[in-house]
Amino acid sequence: MLLRSNSRDLTYPHRERVENDAEHSYQLCLLAWAIIEMDKLPLDSSKVFKLCIAHDLVEVYSGDVPLWGKTGHTEKAEREARALLTIKEKFNETHEIASVISEYKERATEEAKFVYGLDKLLPFLNQLQTNGLIWKSHKVTKEQVLEKTYIFAEVSGHLKKYLAEAIEYFKENSDNLLKP
């Protein structure tokens, strides 16, 4: 599979290129590991790492739908469901990869909720580091950023303090982060 061939709608701080799904999954693993260790969370690290690695594998077949993009949102779930079927066919339906992806999509465990929330919080944190580059390019409003961030990141109680700190920083600096 070519996870690294899928570009995402996120530019790195040095702005030379956009992130790919493999880099995103790797960064997600590292951040999850750091938070689990620092906060001594009662989560199965092995399961968390598998979820981090597998969560976007469907995008190899369905493509990424940028959060702030104008198209692709209505058919995203259907395309990802077809992609999961393709993965099941390629890896044999009994293979763990498909069940890990399903666990993530359904947020069936505390680990899946944690990874899902962190997956939604991470791009927000990256935008803070890039001075809102993608927000600016999509002409996103403060209200839109807050609405999307709250909806997704509040899925896991383990992330509340990080979400609160990031949102406080965003509110204090939103003029700078959103205006071209």
Protein backbone atom coordinates (compact mmCIF):
# COMPACT_ATOMS: atom_id res chain seq x y z
CA MET A 1 0.00 0.00 0.00
CA LEU A 2 1.18 3.50 -0.72
CA LEU A 3 0.14 5.43 2.36
CA ARG A 4 2.89 7.94 1.80
CA SER A 5 1.53 8.78 -1.67
CA ASN A 6 -1.63 10.37 -0.20
CA SER A 7 -1.12 14.07 0.39
CA ARG A 8 -3.05 15.82 3.12
CA ASP A 9 -4.24 19.41 3.41
CA LEU A 10 -1.54 20.37 5.90
CA THR A 11 1.67 22.22 5.25
CA TYR A 12 4.66 21.77 7.50
CA PRO A 13 6.01 24.75 9.43
CA HIS A 14 8.81 25.21 6.89
CA ARG A 15 6.12 25.29 4.12
CA GLU A 16 8.13 23.38 1.54
CA ARG A 17 5.52 20.66 1.01
CA VAL A 18 2.36 19.12 2.38
CA GLU A 19 2.18 16.23 4.81
CA ASN A 20 1.35 12.72 3.61
CA ASP A 21 -0.72 10.07 5.40
CA ALA A 22 2.34 8.07 6.49
CA GLU A 23 3.92 11.10 8.15
CA HIS A 24 0.59 11.97 9.78
CA SER A 25 0.22 8.45 11.19
CA TYR A 26 3.80 8.50 12.49
CA GLN A 27 3.30 11.88 14.17
CA LEU A 28 0.02 10.61 15.64
CA CYS A 29 1.83 7.56 17.11
CA LEU A 30 4.53 9.70 18.68
CA LEU A 31 2.07 12.16 20.19
CA ALA A 32 -0.13 9.34 21.51
CA TRP A 33 2.89 7.65 23.06
CA ALA A 34 4.02 10.89 24.71
CA ILE A 35 0.58 11.64 26.17
CA ILE A 36 0.05 8.07 27.40
CA GLU A 37 3.44 8.11 29.14
CA MET A 38 3.23 11.66 30.56
CA ASP A 39 -0.31 11.28 31.85
CA LYS A 40 0.07 7.59 32.77
CA LEU A 41 -3.15 6.80 30.94
CA PRO A 42 -4.80 3.41 31.52
CA LEU A 43 -4.77 2.61 27.79
CA ASP A 44 -3.31 -0.38 25.96
CA SER A 45 -0.33 1.22 24.16
CA SER A 46 -0.02 -1.61 21.66
CA LYS A 47 -3.65 -1.17 20.64
CA VAL A 48 -3.23 2.60 20.45
CA PHE A 49 -0.20 2.26 18.16
CA LYS A 50 -2.05 -0.15 15.87
CA LEU A 51 -4.98 2.26 15.69
CA CYS A 52 -2.63 5.17 14.90
CA ILE A 53 -0.94 3.25 12.11
CA ALA A 54 -4.10 1.78 10.56
CA HIS A 55 -6.66 4.57 11.02
CA ASP A 56 -6.10 6.21 7.60
CA LEU A 57 -5.30 3.11 5.53
CA VAL A 58 -8.70 3.41 3.85
CA GLU A 59 -7.45 6.64 2.28
CA VAL A 60 -5.07 4.60 0.12
CA TYR A 61 -8.19 3.55 -1.80
CA SER A 62 -10.63 6.38 -1.03
CA GLY A 63 -8.35 9.42 -0.96
CA ASP A 64 -8.19 12.10 1.72
CA VAL A 65 -11.03 14.56 2.15
CA PRO A 66 -9.61 17.80 3.54
CA LEU A 67 -11.56 19.09 6.53
CA TRP A 68 -11.73 22.59 5.08
CA GLY A 69 -12.20 21.54 1.47
CA LYS A 70 -15.44 22.24 -0.36
CA THR A 71 -15.94 18.79 -1.91
CA GLY A 72 -15.92 15.12 -1.00
CA HIS A 73 -17.62 15.27 2.39
CA THR A 74 -21.01 13.81 1.42
CA GLU A 75 -19.56 10.69 -0.19
CA LYS A 76 -16.62 10.22 2.21
CA ALA A 77 -18.28 7.56 4.39
CA GLU A 78 -19.40 5.54 1.37
CA ARG A 79 -15.97 5.72 -0.30
CA GLU A 80 -14.24 4.71 2.93
CA ALA A 81 -16.65 1.79 3.43
CA ARG A 82 -15.80 0.54 -0.09
CA ALA A 83 -12.11 1.04 0.68
CA LEU A 84 -12.43 -1.04 3.85
CA LEU A 85 -14.00 -3.85 1.81
CA THR A 86 -11.04 -3.67 -0.57
CA ILE A 87 -8.64 -3.91 2.38
CA LYS A 88 -10.55 -6.93 3.72
CA GLU A 89 -10.29 -8.61 0.32
CA LYS A 90 -6.58 -7.88 -0.02
CA PHE A 91 -5.63 -8.87 3.51
CA ASN A 92 -8.15 -11.65 4.11
CA GLU A 93 -11.20 -10.71 6.14
CA THR A 94 -9.78 -12.32 9.28
CA HIS A 95 -6.65 -10.13 9.24
CA GLU A 96 -6.36 -7.73 12.17
CA ILE A 97 -5.86 -4.62 10.02
CA ALA A 98 -9.51 -4.47 8.93
CA SER A 99 -10.80 -5.01 12.47
CA VAL A 100 -8.50 -2.26 13.81
CA ILE A 101 -9.79 0.15 11.16
CA SER A 102 -13.38 -0.75 12.06
CA GLU A 103 -12.64 -0.28 15.76
CA TYR A 104 -11.34 3.21 14.98
CA LYS A 105 -14.26 4.17 12.72
CA GLU A 106 -16.80 2.96 15.30
CA ARG A 107 -14.85 4.40 18.25
CA ALA A 108 -15.57 1.05 19.88
CA THR A 109 -12.98 1.22 22.68
CA GLU A 110 -11.37 3.85 24.90
CA GLU A 111 -8.21 3.44 22.83
CA ALA A 112 -10.14 4.09 19.60
CA LYS A 113 -11.82 7.16 21.11
CA PHE A 114 -8.42 8.45 22.25
CA VAL A 115 -6.85 7.97 18.80
CA TYR A 116 -9.90 9.42 17.04
CA GLY A 117 -9.85 12.53 19.22
CA LEU A 118 -6.09 12.91 18.90
CA ASP A 119 -6.35 12.46 15.12
CA LYS A 120 -8.73 15.42 15.02
CA LEU A 121 -6.75 17.50 17.52
CA LEU A 122 -3.38 16.99 15.81
CA PRO A 123 -4.15 19.03 12.66
CA PHE A 124 -5.42 21.83 14.91
CA LEU A 125 -2.13 21.78 16.84
CA ASN A 126 -0.18 21.73 13.58
CA GLN A 127 -2.12 24.76 12.35
CA LEU A 128 -1.09 26.62 15.48
CA GLN A 129 2.54 25.85 14.58
CA THR A 130 2.13 27.01 10.97
CA ASN A 131 0.45 30.26 12.01
CA GLY A 132 -2.86 29.08 10.53
CA LEU A 133 -1.57 28.66 6.98
CA ILE A 134 -4.32 26.23 5.85
CA TRP A 135 -7.03 28.14 7.75
CA LYS A 136 -5.98 31.28 5.93
CA SER A 137 -5.87 29.59 2.53
CA HIS A 138 -9.44 28.29 3.01
CA LYS A 139 -10.65 31.57 4.57
CA VAL A 140 -11.89 29.72 7.64
CA THR A 141 -13.59 31.71 10.41
CA LYS A 142 -12.91 31.55 14.12
CA GLU A 143 -16.37 30.03 14.66
CA GLN A 144 -15.74 27.29 12.09
CA VAL A 145 -12.43 26.33 13.69
CA LEU A 146 -13.93 26.16 17.17
CA GLU A 147 -17.00 24.22 16.04
CA LYS A 148 -14.99 21.53 14.22
CA THR A 149 -12.39 21.26 16.97
CA TYR A 150 -14.93 20.82 19.77
CA ILE A 151 -17.02 18.30 17.85
CA PHE A 152 -14.12 15.99 17.09
CA ALA A 153 -11.60 16.35 19.87
CA GLU A 154 -14.01 16.05 22.80
CA VAL A 155 -14.55 12.37 21.98
CA SER A 156 -11.91 11.33 24.53
CA GLY A 157 -11.80 12.68 28.07
CA HIS A 158 -8.07 11.96 28.10
CA LEU A 159 -7.54 14.91 25.74
CA LYS A 160 -9.60 17.58 27.53
CA LYS A 161 -6.68 19.46 29.06
CA TYR A 162 -4.79 19.53 25.75
CA LEU A 163 -7.89 20.65 23.90
CA ALA A 164 -8.54 23.39 26.48
CA GLU A 165 -4.95 24.69 26.28
CA ALA A 166 -4.93 24.68 22.49
CA ILE A 167 -8.29 26.42 22.23
CA GLU A 168 -7.26 29.06 24.76
CA TYR A 169 -4.13 29.76 22.70
CA PHE A 170 -6.21 29.87 19.51
CA LYS A 171 -8.72 32.32 20.99
CA GLU A 172 -5.94 34.62 22.21
CA ASN A 173 -4.21 34.54 18.81
CA SER A 174 -7.09 33.97 16.36
CA ASP A 175 -6.68 37.33 14.62
CA ASN A 176 -3.10 36.45 13.77
CA LEU A 177 -3.94 32.83 12.90
CA LEU A 178 -6.83 33.58 10.54
CA LYS A 179 -6.08 36.86 8.79
CA PRO A 180 -3.88 36.74 5.67
